[in-house]
Amino acid sequence: MEKAVAREVTWMNQRPADDGRRLLDRIAAKDRDALSELCTRYQTVLFRYLCQLVGQRELAEEILQDTLVAVWKSASQFEGRSSVQTWLIGIARRQAHNTLRRRSLPGLDVSELEYVPAADPEPEDVALARAEREDLAAAIQRLVPTQREILLLTFVHELSYQEMAKILGIPEGTVKSRLNHAKRALRALLEASEEVGR
């Protein structure tokens, strides 16, 4: 199961070499060009995260804008206790949850997960991979929001336990526990789906 999720999102393994700290220092000094550079560097990661979190592209775009405004206002508060990407995801998460609370919309929809096929795949492999992806996405969609979120942060955004604990505002032990519960729940859903398909 973990391999399927990891294979599904290998495109997310594009972490910037520079941690972005210098950009945040420049943004704190109200350098608009630095905000534009930060946006260029992290907008894809943040937008995909938000799409998966809220399930609507238009809403994700709106929340991304709110996130950038929040970054502009609070860049001086970055203390370097996490990576810049982790800090930005935390801000995006708070903006999304605030927006969802105001709008009373259901959260977390993984139907936006994208797939980048291997070079020149065989047609049978493509069909099998698509079926596996659809089964996986459907199973993830049936999980409770906290389980979906922890799986996304782990496998899509490849965050450490420490980074997830910081974003979610919970102890690392709780992160591990939630992840174990989410994996078991996902495995049970996938096994039940296989049984039905036989």
Protein backbone atom coordinates (compact mmCIF):
# COMPACT_ATOMS: atom_id res chain seq x y z
CA MET A 1 0.00 0.00 0.00
CA GLU A 2 2.76 2.45 0.94
CA LYS A 3 4.54 1.73 -2.34
CA ALA A 4 1.36 2.42 -4.30
CA VAL A 5 0.90 5.76 -2.59
CA ALA A 6 4.57 6.64 -2.97
CA ARG A 7 4.56 5.63 -6.66
CA GLU A 8 1.42 7.68 -7.18
CA VAL A 9 3.05 10.86 -6.00
CA THR A 10 6.68 10.63 -7.03
CA TRP A 11 6.24 14.01 -8.71
CA MET A 12 6.08 15.55 -5.25
CA ASN A 13 9.73 14.71 -4.58
CA GLN A 14 10.80 18.08 -5.99
CA ARG A 15 12.05 19.88 -2.91
CA PRO A 16 13.98 23.07 -3.53
CA ALA A 17 17.69 22.87 -2.77
CA ASP A 18 17.59 26.20 -0.90
CA ASP A 19 15.40 26.24 2.19
CA GLY A 20 13.88 29.61 1.26
CA ARG A 21 15.04 31.29 4.47
CA ARG A 22 16.65 34.15 2.54
CA LEU A 23 13.40 34.72 0.66
CA LEU A 24 11.48 34.97 3.93
CA ASP A 25 14.04 37.44 5.28
CA ARG A 26 13.54 39.57 2.16
CA ILE A 27 9.75 39.27 2.43
CA ALA A 28 9.95 40.38 6.06
CA ALA A 29 11.75 43.48 4.72
CA LYS A 30 8.72 43.96 2.38
CA ASP A 31 10.52 42.92 -0.84
CA ARG A 32 7.69 42.10 -3.29
CA ASP A 33 10.09 40.39 -5.69
CA ALA A 34 10.98 37.93 -2.93
CA LEU A 35 7.30 37.09 -2.45
CA SER A 36 7.02 36.48 -6.19
CA GLU A 37 10.08 34.18 -6.07
CA LEU A 38 8.69 32.32 -3.05
CA CYS A 39 5.38 31.90 -4.87
CA THR A 40 7.13 30.54 -7.96
CA ARG A 41 9.14 28.11 -5.85
CA TYR A 42 6.35 26.75 -3.62
CA GLN A 43 3.02 27.43 -5.34
CA THR A 44 2.77 24.00 -7.00
CA VAL A 45 3.30 22.14 -3.73
CA LEU A 46 0.90 24.42 -1.85
CA PHE A 47 -1.75 24.38 -4.58
CA ARG A 48 -1.74 20.59 -4.83
CA TYR A 49 -1.95 20.29 -1.06
CA LEU A 50 -4.87 22.71 -0.96
CA CYS A 51 -6.68 20.96 -3.84
CA GLN A 52 -6.38 17.69 -1.97
CA LEU A 53 -7.49 19.30 1.26
CA VAL A 54 -10.55 21.22 0.02
CA GLY A 55 -11.43 19.30 -3.16
CA GLN A 56 -12.18 22.38 -5.29
CA ARG A 57 -9.63 24.03 -7.56
CA GLU A 58 -11.23 27.47 -7.40
CA LEU A 59 -11.40 27.40 -3.63
CA ALA A 60 -7.80 26.13 -3.47
CA GLU A 61 -6.71 29.10 -5.63
CA GLU A 62 -8.50 31.50 -3.28
CA ILE A 63 -6.92 29.92 -0.21
CA LEU A 64 -3.49 30.00 -1.87
CA GLN A 65 -3.88 33.75 -2.30
CA ASP A 66 -4.91 34.07 1.36
CA THR A 67 -1.85 32.01 2.28
CA LEU A 68 0.47 34.33 0.37
CA VAL A 69 -1.07 37.35 2.09
CA ALA A 70 -0.52 35.65 5.45
CA VAL A 71 3.10 34.90 4.49
CA TRP A 72 3.59 38.56 3.52
CA LYS A 73 2.30 39.65 6.91
CA SER A 74 4.09 37.06 9.04
CA ALA A 75 7.40 36.31 7.29
CA SER A 76 9.30 37.91 10.15
CA GLN A 77 7.81 35.31 12.51
CA PHE A 78 9.59 32.39 10.80
CA GLU A 79 12.04 31.11 13.40
CA GLY A 80 13.68 28.34 11.39
CA ARG A 81 12.48 25.53 13.68
CA SER A 82 11.07 23.78 10.60
CA SER A 83 11.73 23.89 6.89
CA VAL A 84 10.22 26.76 4.93
CA GLN A 85 7.99 24.28 3.09
CA THR A 86 6.66 22.88 6.37
CA TRP A 87 6.00 26.38 7.66
CA LEU A 88 4.16 27.30 4.45
CA ILE A 89 2.04 24.13 4.53
CA GLY A 90 1.12 24.96 8.11
CA ILE A 91 -0.05 28.43 7.07
CA ALA A 92 -1.96 26.99 4.08
CA ARG A 93 -3.60 24.42 6.36
CA ARG A 94 -4.75 27.10 8.81
CA GLN A 95 -6.08 29.27 5.98
CA ALA A 96 -7.95 26.28 4.51
CA HIS A 97 -9.49 25.27 7.82
CA ASN A 98 -10.54 28.85 8.55
CA THR A 99 -12.14 29.12 5.12
CA LEU A 100 -13.88 25.74 5.44
CA ARG A 101 -15.21 26.66 8.85
CA ARG A 102 -16.63 29.90 7.46
CA ARG A 103 -18.19 28.15 4.48
CA SER A 104 -19.16 24.92 6.26
CA LEU A 105 -17.83 22.84 3.37
CA PRO A 106 -16.66 19.25 3.72
CA GLY A 107 -12.89 18.99 3.79
CA LEU A 108 -10.30 16.76 2.19
CA ASP A 109 -10.91 15.33 -1.26
CA VAL A 110 -8.15 13.32 -2.90
CA SER A 111 -9.82 13.11 -6.30
CA GLU A 112 -7.36 15.74 -7.52
CA LEU A 113 -4.35 13.42 -7.14
CA GLU A 114 -2.36 13.57 -10.31
CA TYR A 115 -0.41 10.80 -11.96
CA VAL A 116 2.73 11.11 -14.02
CA PRO A 117 3.17 7.90 -16.05
CA ALA A 118 6.54 6.31 -16.62
CA ALA A 119 8.17 6.88 -20.00
CA ASP A 120 6.61 4.66 -22.69
CA PRO A 121 4.48 2.45 -20.42
CA GLU A 122 2.80 -0.61 -21.81
CA PRO A 123 -0.97 -0.20 -22.39
CA GLU A 124 -1.75 -3.02 -19.97
CA ASP A 125 0.42 -1.42 -17.29
CA VAL A 126 -1.33 1.91 -17.79
CA ALA A 127 -4.76 0.28 -17.45
CA LEU A 128 -3.73 -1.62 -14.29
CA ALA A 129 -2.11 1.46 -12.76
CA ARG A 130 -5.20 3.54 -13.50
CA ALA A 131 -7.44 0.93 -11.89
CA GLU A 132 -5.13 0.76 -8.84
CA ARG A 133 -5.08 4.57 -8.60
CA GLU A 134 -8.84 4.77 -8.81
CA ASP A 135 -9.22 2.07 -6.12
CA LEU A 136 -6.65 3.82 -3.94
CA ALA A 137 -8.24 7.27 -4.41
CA ALA A 138 -11.71 5.85 -3.69
CA ALA A 139 -10.45 4.12 -0.54
CA ILE A 140 -8.66 7.26 0.68
CA GLN A 141 -11.81 9.27 0.01
CA ARG A 142 -13.75 6.98 2.38
CA LEU A 143 -11.34 7.60 5.28
CA VAL A 144 -12.20 10.12 7.96
CA PRO A 145 -10.63 13.56 7.36
CA THR A 146 -7.89 13.20 9.99
CA GLN A 147 -6.77 9.91 8.42
CA ARG A 148 -6.80 11.35 4.90
CA GLU A 149 -4.81 14.36 6.00
CA ILE A 150 -2.10 12.37 7.78
CA LEU A 151 -1.68 10.11 4.72
CA LEU A 152 -1.39 13.13 2.43
CA LEU A 153 1.20 14.81 4.63
CA THR A 154 3.19 11.57 4.89
CA PHE A 155 3.12 10.19 1.37
CA VAL A 156 2.32 13.16 -0.85
CA HIS A 157 4.30 15.85 0.92
CA GLU A 158 6.85 13.47 2.49
CA LEU A 159 6.98 15.34 5.79
CA SER A 160 8.75 13.98 8.86
CA TYR A 161 6.90 13.13 12.06
CA GLN A 162 8.33 16.27 13.61
CA GLU A 163 7.13 18.45 10.71
CA MET A 164 3.65 16.91 10.80
CA ALA A 165 3.45 17.38 14.57
CA LYS A 166 4.26 21.06 14.12
CA ILE A 167 1.68 21.55 11.33
CA LEU A 168 -1.07 19.62 13.11
CA GLY A 169 -0.27 20.98 16.56
CA ILE A 170 -0.06 17.52 18.14
CA PRO A 171 2.75 15.45 19.73
CA GLU A 172 4.89 13.21 17.51
CA GLY A 173 3.50 10.14 19.26
CA THR A 174 0.00 11.16 18.21
CA VAL A 175 1.21 11.62 14.63
CA LYS A 176 2.59 8.06 14.64
CA SER A 177 -0.61 6.72 16.16
CA ARG A 178 -2.82 8.52 13.62
CA LEU A 179 -0.63 7.31 10.77
CA ASN A 180 -0.84 3.70 11.98
CA HIS A 181 -4.62 3.93 12.31
CA ALA A 182 -4.89 5.53 8.87
CA LYS A 183 -2.74 2.83 7.24
CA ARG A 184 -4.78 0.07 8.88
CA ALA A 185 -8.06 1.69 7.85
CA LEU A 186 -6.84 2.19 4.28
CA ARG A 187 -5.55 -1.39 4.08
CA ALA A 188 -8.92 -2.70 5.32
CA LEU A 189 -10.79 -0.63 2.72
CA LEU A 190 -8.49 -1.83 -0.07
CA GLU A 191 -8.80 -5.47 1.01
CA ALA A 192 -12.60 -5.15 1.19
CA SER A 193 -12.58 -3.63 -2.29
CA GLU A 194 -10.49 -6.55 -3.59
CA GLU A 195 -12.90 -9.05 -2.04
CA VAL A 196 -15.85 -7.37 -3.76
CA GLY A 197 -13.98 -7.38 -7.08
CA ARG A 198 -13.37 -11.13 -7.04
